[in-house]
Amino acid sequence: MCISATAARALKSVLQGILLSSEGEKLNSMSLLLYMALIAVVFLLPATLIMEENVWV
């Protein structure tokens, strides 16, 4: 898990660098933060609901 988390973090950093510096699809940092936050919610909310036992209490 630790190795996969480190690899995913490295991939995220590389993609952020590409998106912030690419001339064709250049994003500003606030737009990138908005998109990354939405993606994080989509992935983490279902995981939280499945893994946490008393989330609805």
PDB file of N, CA and C in Angstrom:
ATOM      1  N   MET A   1       0.818  -1.189   0.000  1.00  0.00           N
ATOM      2  CA  MET A   1       0.000   0.000   0.000  1.00  0.00           C
ATOM      3  C   MET A   1       0.863   1.256   0.000  1.00  0.00           C
ATOM      4  N   CYS A   2       1.935   1.223   0.748  1.00  0.00           N
ATOM      5  CA  CYS A   2       2.813   2.390   0.828  1.00  0.00           C
ATOM      6  C   CYS A   2       3.471   2.681  -0.522  1.00  0.00           C
ATOM      7  N   ILE A   3       3.902   1.641  -1.198  1.00  0.00           N
ATOM      8  CA  ILE A   3       4.540   1.831  -2.502  1.00  0.00           C
ATOM      9  C   ILE A   3       3.531   2.360  -3.520  1.00  0.00           C
ATOM     10  N   SER A   4       2.318   1.806  -3.496  1.00  0.00           N
ATOM     11  CA  SER A   4       1.310   2.286  -4.447  1.00  0.00           C
ATOM     12  C   SER A   4       0.882   3.720  -4.132  1.00  0.00           C
ATOM     13  N   ALA A   5       0.811   4.084  -2.857  1.00  0.00           N
ATOM     14  CA  ALA A   5       0.479   5.462  -2.492  1.00  0.00           C
ATOM     15  C   ALA A   5       1.573   6.426  -2.935  1.00  0.00           C
ATOM     16  N   THR A   6       2.822   6.019  -2.797  1.00  0.00           N
ATOM     17  CA  THR A   6       3.939   6.856  -3.232  1.00  0.00           C
ATOM     18  C   THR A   6       3.935   7.012  -4.753  1.00  0.00           C
ATOM     19  N   ALA A   7       3.656   5.929  -5.463  1.00  0.00           N
ATOM     20  CA  ALA A   7       3.600   5.992  -6.925  1.00  0.00           C
ATOM     21  C   ALA A   7       2.437   6.871  -7.384  1.00  0.00           C
ATOM     22  N   ALA A   8       1.294   6.764  -6.726  1.00  0.00           N
ATOM     23  CA  ALA A   8       0.139   7.593  -7.090  1.00  0.00           C
ATOM     24  C   ALA A   8       0.423   9.065  -6.814  1.00  0.00           C
ATOM     25  N   ARG A   9       1.091   9.370  -5.729  1.00  0.00           N
ATOM     26  CA  ARG A   9       1.448  10.753  -5.412  1.00  0.00           C
ATOM     27  C   ARG A   9       2.428  11.309  -6.449  1.00  0.00           C
ATOM     28  N   ALA A  10       3.379  10.492  -6.859  1.00  0.00           N
ATOM     29  CA  ALA A  10       4.334  10.926  -7.883  1.00  0.00           C
ATOM     30  C   ALA A  10       3.625  11.182  -9.209  1.00  0.00           C
ATOM     31  N   LEU A  11       2.705  10.301  -9.582  1.00  0.00           N
ATOM     32  CA  LEU A  11       1.941  10.484 -10.814  1.00  0.00           C
ATOM     33  C   LEU A  11       1.107  11.764 -10.747  1.00  0.00           C
ATOM     34  N   LYS A  12       0.497  12.025  -9.604  1.00  0.00           N
ATOM     35  CA  LYS A  12      -0.290  13.244  -9.432  1.00  0.00           C
ATOM     36  C   LYS A  12       0.588  14.487  -9.589  1.00  0.00           C
ATOM     37  N   SER A  13       1.762  14.463  -9.007  1.00  0.00           N
ATOM     38  CA  SER A  13       2.668  15.602  -9.107  1.00  0.00           C
ATOM     39  C   SER A  13       3.102  15.848 -10.553  1.00  0.00           C
ATOM     40  N   VAL A  14       3.393  14.779 -11.271  1.00  0.00           N
ATOM     41  CA  VAL A  14       3.804  14.919 -12.668  1.00  0.00           C
ATOM     42  C   VAL A  14       2.652  15.476 -13.504  1.00  0.00           C
ATOM     43  N   LEU A  15       1.450  14.947 -13.313  1.00  0.00           N
ATOM     44  CA  LEU A  15       0.287  15.437 -14.064  1.00  0.00           C
ATOM     45  C   LEU A  15      -0.013  16.897 -13.751  1.00  0.00           C
ATOM     46  N   GLN A  16       0.123  17.288 -12.488  1.00  0.00           N
ATOM     47  CA  GLN A  16      -0.090  18.690 -12.128  1.00  0.00           C
ATOM     48  C   GLN A  16       0.926  19.579 -12.824  1.00  0.00           C
ATOM     49  N   GLY A  17       2.170  19.154 -12.849  1.00  0.00           N
ATOM     50  CA  GLY A  17       3.195  19.936 -13.526  1.00  0.00           C
ATOM     51  C   GLY A  17       2.914  20.087 -15.012  1.00  0.00           C
ATOM     52  N   ILE A  18       2.462  19.026 -15.638  1.00  0.00           N
ATOM     53  CA  ILE A  18       2.139  19.085 -17.072  1.00  0.00           C
ATOM     54  C   ILE A  18       0.965  20.023 -17.315  1.00  0.00           C
ATOM     55  N   LEU A  19      -0.088  19.896 -16.510  1.00  0.00           N
ATOM     56  CA  LEU A  19      -1.280  20.723 -16.700  1.00  0.00           C
ATOM     57  C   LEU A  19      -1.016  22.204 -16.420  1.00  0.00           C
ATOM     58  N   LEU A  20      -0.126  22.496 -15.484  1.00  0.00           N
ATOM     59  CA  LEU A  20       0.166  23.895 -15.164  1.00  0.00           C
ATOM     60  C   LEU A  20       1.104  24.543 -16.173  1.00  0.00           C
ATOM     61  N   SER A  21       1.878  23.743 -16.906  1.00  0.00           N
ATOM     62  CA  SER A  21       2.850  24.332 -17.824  1.00  0.00           C
ATOM     63  C   SER A  21       2.527  24.100 -19.299  1.00  0.00           C
ATOM     64  N   SER A  22       1.564  23.253 -19.600  1.00  0.00           N
ATOM     65  CA  SER A  22       1.215  22.951 -20.985  1.00  0.00           C
ATOM     66  C   SER A  22       0.618  24.181 -21.666  1.00  0.00           C
ATOM     67  N   GLU A  23       1.083  24.481 -22.863  1.00  0.00           N
ATOM     68  CA  GLU A  23       0.576  25.644 -23.591  1.00  0.00           C
ATOM     69  C   GLU A  23      -0.824  25.410 -24.135  1.00  0.00           C
ATOM     70  N   GLY A  24      -1.123  24.176 -24.547  1.00  0.00           N
ATOM     71  CA  GLY A  24      -2.420  23.876 -25.135  1.00  0.00           C
ATOM     72  C   GLY A  24      -3.555  23.874 -24.132  1.00  0.00           C
ATOM     73  N   GLU A  25      -3.326  23.330 -22.951  1.00  0.00           N
ATOM     74  CA  GLU A  25      -4.365  23.217 -21.940  1.00  0.00           C
ATOM     75  C   GLU A  25      -3.898  23.812 -20.624  1.00  0.00           C
ATOM     76  N   LYS A  26      -3.349  24.988 -20.664  1.00  0.00           N
ATOM     77  CA  LYS A  26      -2.781  25.591 -19.472  1.00  0.00           C
ATOM     78  C   LYS A  26      -3.887  25.990 -18.496  1.00  0.00           C
ATOM     79  N   LEU A  27      -3.775  25.512 -17.262  1.00  0.00           N
ATOM     80  CA  LEU A  27      -4.716  25.837 -16.199  1.00  0.00           C
ATOM     81  C   LEU A  27      -4.021  26.721 -15.184  1.00  0.00           C
ATOM     82  N   ASN A  28      -4.789  27.573 -14.521  1.00  0.00           N
ATOM     83  CA  ASN A  28      -4.195  28.272 -13.387  1.00  0.00           C
ATOM     84  C   ASN A  28      -4.325  27.392 -12.148  1.00  0.00           C
ATOM     85  N   SER A  29      -3.650  27.735 -11.086  1.00  0.00           N
ATOM     86  CA  SER A  29      -3.592  26.858  -9.919  1.00  0.00           C
ATOM     87  C   SER A  29      -4.950  26.692  -9.241  1.00  0.00           C
ATOM     88  N   MET A  30      -5.795  27.707  -9.263  1.00  0.00           N
ATOM     89  CA  MET A  30      -7.108  27.590  -8.624  1.00  0.00           C
ATOM     90  C   MET A  30      -8.040  26.664  -9.410  1.00  0.00           C
ATOM     91  N   SER A  31      -7.990  26.707 -10.720  1.00  0.00           N
ATOM     92  CA  SER A  31      -8.800  25.793 -11.527  1.00  0.00           C
ATOM     93  C   SER A  31      -8.344  24.352 -11.329  1.00  0.00           C
ATOM     94  N   LEU A  32      -7.034  24.153 -11.276  1.00  0.00           N
ATOM     95  CA  LEU A  32      -6.505  22.816 -11.048  1.00  0.00           C
ATOM     96  C   LEU A  32      -6.928  22.298  -9.684  1.00  0.00           C
ATOM     97  N   LEU A  33      -6.894  23.151  -8.670  1.00  0.00           N
ATOM     98  CA  LEU A  33      -7.332  22.759  -7.335  1.00  0.00           C
ATOM     99  C   LEU A  33      -8.806  22.360  -7.332  1.00  0.00           C
ATOM    100  N   LEU A  34      -9.630  23.093  -8.053  1.00  0.00           N
ATOM    101  CA  LEU A  34     -11.044  22.767  -8.145  1.00  0.00           C
ATOM    102  C   LEU A  34     -11.248  21.380  -8.751  1.00  0.00           C
ATOM    103  N   TYR A  35     -10.591  21.099  -9.861  1.00  0.00           N
ATOM    104  CA  TYR A  35     -10.750  19.802 -10.509  1.00  0.00           C
ATOM    105  C   TYR A  35     -10.209  18.665  -9.643  1.00  0.00           C
ATOM    106  N   MET A  36      -9.064  18.881  -9.011  1.00  0.00           N
ATOM    107  CA  MET A  36      -8.476  17.830  -8.177  1.00  0.00           C
ATOM    108  C   MET A  36      -9.337  17.557  -6.950  1.00  0.00           C
ATOM    109  N   ALA A  37      -9.947  18.595  -6.382  1.00  0.00           N
ATOM    110  CA  ALA A  37     -10.812  18.409  -5.218  1.00  0.00           C
ATOM    111  C   ALA A  37     -12.062  17.613  -5.590  1.00  0.00           C
ATOM    112  N   LEU A  38     -12.636  17.894  -6.738  1.00  0.00           N
ATOM    113  CA  LEU A  38     -13.815  17.150  -7.174  1.00  0.00           C
ATOM    114  C   LEU A  38     -13.483  15.673  -7.407  1.00  0.00           C
ATOM    115  N   ILE A  39     -12.346  15.414  -8.014  1.00  0.00           N
ATOM    116  CA  ILE A  39     -11.926  14.035  -8.250  1.00  0.00           C
ATOM    117  C   ILE A  39     -11.680  13.318  -6.913  1.00  0.00           C
ATOM    118  N   ALA A  40     -11.076  14.018  -5.960  1.00  0.00           N
ATOM    119  CA  ALA A  40     -10.823  13.418  -4.648  1.00  0.00           C
ATOM    120  C   ALA A  40     -12.127  13.060  -3.937  1.00  0.00           C
ATOM    121  N   VAL A  41     -13.125  13.926  -4.024  1.00  0.00           N
ATOM    122  CA  VAL A  41     -14.415  13.639  -3.393  1.00  0.00           C
ATOM    123  C   VAL A  41     -15.061  12.419  -4.040  1.00  0.00           C
ATOM    124  N   VAL A  42     -15.006  12.341  -5.357  1.00  0.00           N
ATOM    125  CA  VAL A  42     -15.617  11.207  -6.066  1.00  0.00           C
ATOM    126  C   VAL A  42     -14.968   9.884  -5.644  1.00  0.00           C
ATOM    127  N   PHE A  43     -13.662   9.876  -5.424  1.00  0.00           N
ATOM    128  CA  PHE A  43     -12.993   8.637  -5.038  1.00  0.00           C
ATOM    129  C   PHE A  43     -13.076   8.358  -3.542  1.00  0.00           C
ATOM    130  N   LEU A  44     -12.987   9.386  -2.709  1.00  0.00           N
ATOM    131  CA  LEU A  44     -12.887   9.158  -1.277  1.00  0.00           C
ATOM    132  C   LEU A  44     -14.231   9.005  -0.570  1.00  0.00           C
ATOM    133  N   LEU A  45     -15.279   9.633  -1.057  1.00  0.00           N
ATOM    134  CA  LEU A  45     -16.577   9.524  -0.398  1.00  0.00           C
ATOM    135  C   LEU A  45     -17.109   8.086  -0.407  1.00  0.00           C
ATOM    136  N   PRO A  46     -17.125   7.401  -1.549  1.00  0.00           N
ATOM    137  CA  PRO A  46     -17.574   6.001  -1.503  1.00  0.00           C
ATOM    138  C   PRO A  46     -16.673   5.116  -0.629  1.00  0.00           C
ATOM    139  N   ALA A  47     -15.372   5.346  -0.676  1.00  0.00           N
ATOM    140  CA  ALA A  47     -14.458   4.556   0.154  1.00  0.00           C
ATOM    141  C   ALA A  47     -14.745   4.782   1.631  1.00  0.00           C
ATOM    142  N   THR A  48     -15.029   6.019   2.014  1.00  0.00           N
ATOM    143  CA  THR A  48     -15.353   6.325   3.401  1.00  0.00           C
ATOM    144  C   THR A  48     -16.647   5.649   3.817  1.00  0.00           C
ATOM    145  N   LEU A  49     -17.655   5.698   2.968  1.00  0.00           N
ATOM    146  CA  LEU A  49     -18.933   5.081   3.299  1.00  0.00           C
ATOM    147  C   LEU A  49     -18.818   3.570   3.427  1.00  0.00           C
ATOM    148  N   ILE A  50     -17.954   2.958   2.646  1.00  0.00           N
ATOM    149  CA  ILE A  50     -17.779   1.507   2.706  1.00  0.00           C
ATOM    150  C   ILE A  50     -16.924   1.094   3.903  1.00  0.00           C
ATOM    151  N   MET A  51     -15.847   1.817   4.161  1.00  0.00           N
ATOM    152  CA  MET A  51     -14.881   1.387   5.175  1.00  0.00           C
ATOM    153  C   MET A  51     -15.216   1.821   6.594  1.00  0.00           C
ATOM    154  N   GLU A  52     -15.861   2.935   6.763  1.00  0.00           N
ATOM    155  CA  GLU A  52     -16.194   3.408   8.108  1.00  0.00           C
ATOM    156  C   GLU A  52     -17.470   2.740   8.579  1.00  0.00           C
ATOM    157  N   GLU A  53     -17.423   2.165   9.772  1.00  0.00           N
ATOM    158  CA  GLU A  53     -18.556   1.395  10.262  1.00  0.00           C
ATOM    159  C   GLU A  53     -19.735   2.271  10.682  1.00  0.00           C
ATOM    160  N   ASN A  54     -19.494   3.291  11.451  1.00  0.00           N
ATOM    161  CA  ASN A  54     -20.578   4.091  12.021  1.00  0.00           C
ATOM    162  C   ASN A  54     -20.664   5.468  11.380  1.00  0.00           C
ATOM    163  N   VAL A  55     -20.564   5.536  10.076  1.00  0.00           N
ATOM    164  CA  VAL A  55     -20.541   6.820   9.397  1.00  0.00           C
ATOM    165  C   VAL A  55     -21.911   7.512   9.418  1.00  0.00           C
ATOM    166  N   TRP A  56     -22.974   6.753   9.476  1.00  0.00           N
ATOM    167  CA  TRP A  56     -24.319   7.333   9.427  1.00  0.00           C
ATOM    168  C   TRP A  56     -24.855   7.676  10.811  1.00  0.00           C
ATOM    169  N   VAL A  57     -24.166   7.282  11.865  1.00  0.00           N
ATOM    170  CA  VAL A  57     -24.677   7.513  13.229  1.00  0.00           C
ATOM    171  C   VAL A  57     -24.319   8.886  13.709  1.00  0.00           C
TER     172      VAL A  57
END
